[in-house]
Amino acid sequence: MAELLLIVSLLGIFAFGFYIMCRLDRFLEENRKSLLKENESREPSEILLPQGLSESEILCAIRRFRETHRNVDIILSDGKEDEY
């Protein structure tokens, strides 16, 4: 009788654990999808200004970038290997 009670209780624990893990898996999948969707709609965190832009075009691009981002650091590079 004790073995039967042990088997039934273990089956119950396994079934409950399986149920909890399925719910957790669904929650994590929904959370991952919402994070991916949020990252796709997010503005880029850096911009690359091509050669040949006039000063007014560069200033215009910087102003547009500052409108969507609060903290802006400007790094000027000559296109060689990044050292920052």
N, C-alpha and C. Protein backbone atom coordinates (compact mmCIF):
# COMPACT_ATOMS: atom_id res chain seq x y z
N MET A 1 0.82 -1.20 0.00
CA MET A 1 0.00 0.00 0.00
C MET A 1 0.87 1.27 0.00
N ALA A 2 1.98 1.22 0.76
CA ALA A 2 2.86 2.38 0.85
C ALA A 2 3.52 2.66 -0.50
N GLU A 3 3.87 1.56 -1.23
CA GLU A 3 4.47 1.76 -2.55
C GLU A 3 3.48 2.38 -3.53
N LEU A 4 2.25 1.99 -3.46
CA LEU A 4 1.22 2.55 -4.35
C LEU A 4 1.02 4.03 -4.06
N LEU A 5 1.00 4.38 -2.80
CA LEU A 5 0.86 5.79 -2.42
C LEU A 5 2.07 6.59 -2.90
N LEU A 6 3.26 6.03 -2.80
CA LEU A 6 4.47 6.69 -3.27
C LEU A 6 4.43 6.89 -4.78
N ILE A 7 4.01 5.88 -5.52
CA ILE A 7 3.93 5.96 -6.98
C ILE A 7 2.91 7.01 -7.40
N VAL A 8 1.76 7.01 -6.77
CA VAL A 8 0.71 7.97 -7.12
C VAL A 8 1.16 9.40 -6.80
N SER A 9 1.80 9.58 -5.65
CA SER A 9 2.25 10.93 -5.29
C SER A 9 3.35 11.40 -6.23
N LEU A 10 4.26 10.51 -6.63
CA LEU A 10 5.31 10.89 -7.58
C LEU A 10 4.71 11.23 -8.95
N LEU A 11 3.74 10.47 -9.40
CA LEU A 11 3.07 10.79 -10.66
C LEU A 11 2.38 12.14 -10.58
N GLY A 12 1.78 12.43 -9.45
CA GLY A 12 1.14 13.74 -9.26
C GLY A 12 2.16 14.87 -9.30
N ILE A 13 3.28 14.65 -8.65
CA ILE A 13 4.33 15.68 -8.63
C ILE A 13 4.88 15.89 -10.04
N PHE A 14 5.10 14.79 -10.79
CA PHE A 14 5.59 14.91 -12.16
C PHE A 14 4.58 15.63 -13.05
N ALA A 15 3.31 15.31 -12.90
CA ALA A 15 2.27 15.96 -13.71
C ALA A 15 2.19 17.45 -13.39
N PHE A 16 2.26 17.80 -12.12
CA PHE A 16 2.23 19.20 -11.73
C PHE A 16 3.46 19.94 -12.25
N GLY A 17 4.64 19.32 -12.15
CA GLY A 17 5.86 19.92 -12.67
C GLY A 17 5.79 20.12 -14.18
N PHE A 18 5.23 19.15 -14.89
CA PHE A 18 5.07 19.27 -16.33
C PHE A 18 4.14 20.43 -16.68
N TYR A 19 3.05 20.56 -15.93
CA TYR A 19 2.09 21.66 -16.15
C TYR A 19 2.76 23.02 -15.91
N ILE A 20 3.49 23.13 -14.83
CA ILE A 20 4.17 24.39 -14.50
C ILE A 20 5.21 24.73 -15.57
N MET A 21 5.98 23.75 -16.02
CA MET A 21 7.00 24.01 -17.02
C MET A 21 6.37 24.40 -18.37
N CYS A 22 5.24 23.83 -18.73
CA CYS A 22 4.56 24.23 -19.97
C CYS A 22 4.10 25.68 -19.88
N ARG A 23 3.56 26.06 -18.74
CA ARG A 23 3.13 27.45 -18.56
C ARG A 23 4.31 28.40 -18.60
N LEU A 24 5.41 28.03 -17.96
CA LEU A 24 6.61 28.85 -17.97
C LEU A 24 7.16 28.97 -19.38
N ASP A 25 7.15 27.89 -20.13
CA ASP A 25 7.62 27.91 -21.51
C ASP A 25 6.79 28.86 -22.37
N ARG A 26 5.48 28.82 -22.21
CA ARG A 26 4.60 29.74 -22.96
C ARG A 26 4.88 31.19 -22.58
N PHE A 27 5.04 31.45 -21.28
CA PHE A 27 5.31 32.81 -20.81
C PHE A 27 6.63 33.33 -21.39
N LEU A 28 7.68 32.50 -21.33
CA LEU A 28 8.98 32.92 -21.84
C LEU A 28 8.94 33.14 -23.35
N GLU A 29 8.20 32.33 -24.09
CA GLU A 29 8.09 32.50 -25.54
C GLU A 29 7.36 33.80 -25.89
N GLU A 30 6.29 34.10 -25.17
CA GLU A 30 5.57 35.36 -25.40
C GLU A 30 6.46 36.55 -25.07
N ASN A 31 7.21 36.45 -23.98
CA ASN A 31 8.11 37.52 -23.58
C ASN A 31 9.21 37.72 -24.62
N ARG A 32 9.76 36.63 -25.16
CA ARG A 32 10.79 36.71 -26.18
C ARG A 32 10.25 37.37 -27.44
N LYS A 33 9.02 37.00 -27.84
CA LYS A 33 8.43 37.60 -29.04
C LYS A 33 8.20 39.09 -28.86
N SER A 34 7.72 39.50 -27.69
CA SER A 34 7.48 40.92 -27.47
C SER A 34 8.80 41.70 -27.43
N LEU A 35 9.86 41.11 -26.88
CA LEU A 35 11.16 41.78 -26.88
C LEU A 35 11.72 41.91 -28.30
N LEU A 36 11.55 40.89 -29.12
CA LEU A 36 12.01 40.96 -30.50
C LEU A 36 11.24 42.02 -31.27
N LYS A 37 9.94 42.09 -31.04
CA LYS A 37 9.13 43.09 -31.73
C LYS A 37 9.52 44.50 -31.30
N GLU A 38 9.81 44.68 -30.01
CA GLU A 38 10.23 45.98 -29.49
C GLU A 38 11.59 46.39 -30.08
N ASN A 39 12.50 45.44 -30.18
CA ASN A 39 13.82 45.75 -30.73
C ASN A 39 13.75 46.08 -32.22
N GLU A 40 12.83 45.46 -32.95
CA GLU A 40 12.69 45.76 -34.37
C GLU A 40 12.16 47.16 -34.60
N SER A 41 11.28 47.62 -33.72
CA SER A 41 10.68 48.94 -33.89
C SER A 41 11.53 50.05 -33.29
N ARG A 42 12.58 49.71 -32.58
CA ARG A 42 13.43 50.69 -31.92
C ARG A 42 14.29 51.44 -32.95
N GLU A 43 14.53 52.68 -32.67
CA GLU A 43 15.38 53.50 -33.52
C GLU A 43 16.82 53.00 -33.42
N PRO A 44 17.62 53.15 -34.46
CA PRO A 44 19.01 52.71 -34.37
C PRO A 44 19.78 53.52 -33.33
N SER A 45 20.74 52.88 -32.68
CA SER A 45 21.48 53.57 -31.62
C SER A 45 22.73 54.25 -32.16
N GLU A 46 23.00 54.09 -33.43
CA GLU A 46 24.14 54.79 -34.03
C GLU A 46 23.82 55.07 -35.49
N ILE A 47 24.44 56.09 -36.01
CA ILE A 47 24.26 56.41 -37.42
C ILE A 47 25.62 56.56 -38.08
N LEU A 48 25.68 56.27 -39.34
CA LEU A 48 26.89 56.40 -40.12
C LEU A 48 26.63 57.44 -41.20
N LEU A 49 27.39 58.51 -41.15
CA LEU A 49 27.23 59.57 -42.14
C LEU A 49 28.23 59.34 -43.26
N PRO A 50 27.76 59.17 -44.49
CA PRO A 50 28.68 58.89 -45.60
C PRO A 50 29.50 60.11 -45.97
N GLN A 51 30.56 59.86 -46.71
CA GLN A 51 31.41 60.96 -47.17
C GLN A 51 30.64 61.84 -48.13
N GLY A 52 31.05 63.08 -48.21
CA GLY A 52 30.48 63.98 -49.18
C GLY A 52 29.26 64.76 -48.71
N LEU A 53 28.87 64.59 -47.45
CA LEU A 53 27.74 65.36 -46.95
C LEU A 53 28.19 66.78 -46.63
N SER A 54 27.31 67.71 -46.89
CA SER A 54 27.62 69.09 -46.54
C SER A 54 27.44 69.29 -45.04
N GLU A 55 27.94 70.40 -44.54
CA GLU A 55 27.83 70.68 -43.10
C GLU A 55 26.38 70.76 -42.66
N SER A 56 25.53 71.35 -43.50
CA SER A 56 24.12 71.47 -43.13
C SER A 56 23.44 70.10 -43.09
N GLU A 57 23.82 69.18 -43.99
CA GLU A 57 23.24 67.83 -43.97
C GLU A 57 23.70 67.06 -42.73
N ILE A 58 24.96 67.25 -42.35
CA ILE A 58 25.47 66.59 -41.15
C ILE A 58 24.74 67.11 -39.91
N LEU A 59 24.59 68.43 -39.81
CA LEU A 59 23.88 69.01 -38.67
C LEU A 59 22.42 68.55 -38.62
N CYS A 60 21.80 68.45 -39.78
CA CYS A 60 20.40 68.01 -39.86
C CYS A 60 20.28 66.55 -39.36
N ALA A 61 21.21 65.70 -39.77
CA ALA A 61 21.19 64.30 -39.33
C ALA A 61 21.42 64.20 -37.83
N ILE A 62 22.32 65.01 -37.32
CA ILE A 62 22.59 65.00 -35.87
C ILE A 62 21.36 65.47 -35.10
N ARG A 63 20.70 66.50 -35.57
CA ARG A 63 19.49 67.00 -34.88
C ARG A 63 18.38 65.95 -34.87
N ARG A 64 18.18 65.27 -36.01
CA ARG A 64 17.16 64.21 -36.06
C ARG A 64 17.49 63.10 -35.08
N PHE A 65 18.76 62.73 -34.99
CA PHE A 65 19.18 61.67 -34.08
C PHE A 65 18.98 62.09 -32.63
N ARG A 66 19.29 63.34 -32.31
CA ARG A 66 19.13 63.82 -30.93
C ARG A 66 17.67 63.91 -30.52
N GLU A 67 16.75 64.06 -31.47
CA GLU A 67 15.33 64.11 -31.13
C GLU A 67 14.83 62.78 -30.59
N THR A 68 15.40 61.67 -31.04
CA THR A 68 14.94 60.35 -30.61
C THR A 68 15.81 59.73 -29.52
N HIS A 69 16.97 60.33 -29.24
CA HIS A 69 17.88 59.79 -28.23
C HIS A 69 18.26 60.90 -27.25
N ARG A 70 18.24 60.58 -25.97
CA ARG A 70 18.50 61.59 -24.95
C ARG A 70 19.99 61.89 -24.80
N ASN A 71 20.78 60.87 -24.57
CA ASN A 71 22.22 61.05 -24.35
C ASN A 71 22.95 60.74 -25.64
N VAL A 72 23.60 61.73 -26.19
CA VAL A 72 24.29 61.56 -27.46
C VAL A 72 25.77 61.88 -27.27
N ASP A 73 26.63 60.95 -27.67
CA ASP A 73 28.07 61.17 -27.73
C ASP A 73 28.45 61.13 -29.20
N ILE A 74 29.25 62.07 -29.63
CA ILE A 74 29.67 62.12 -31.01
C ILE A 74 31.12 61.68 -31.09
N ILE A 75 31.38 60.67 -31.92
CA ILE A 75 32.73 60.15 -32.12
C ILE A 75 33.05 60.33 -33.59
N LEU A 76 34.10 61.03 -33.87
CA LEU A 76 34.55 61.24 -35.24
C LEU A 76 35.67 60.25 -35.54
N SER A 77 35.59 59.61 -36.68
CA SER A 77 36.58 58.61 -37.05
C SER A 77 36.94 58.77 -38.51
N ASP A 78 38.16 58.37 -38.87
CA ASP A 78 38.58 58.48 -40.26
C ASP A 78 38.30 57.19 -41.04
N GLY A 79 37.58 56.25 -40.46
CA GLY A 79 37.21 55.03 -41.15
C GLY A 79 38.17 53.89 -40.94
N LYS A 80 39.26 54.13 -40.25
CA LYS A 80 40.19 53.04 -39.94
C LYS A 80 39.65 52.26 -38.76
N GLU A 81 40.42 51.33 -38.25
CA GLU A 81 39.98 50.47 -37.16
C GLU A 81 39.51 51.29 -35.96
N ASP A 82 38.35 50.89 -35.42
CA ASP A 82 37.78 51.60 -34.27
C ASP A 82 38.63 51.37 -33.03
N GLU A 83 38.94 52.46 -32.34
CA GLU A 83 39.75 52.35 -31.12
C GLU A 83 38.92 52.60 -29.87
N TYR A 84 37.66 52.94 -30.01
CA TYR A 84 36.84 53.20 -28.84
C TYR A 84 36.14 51.95 -28.51
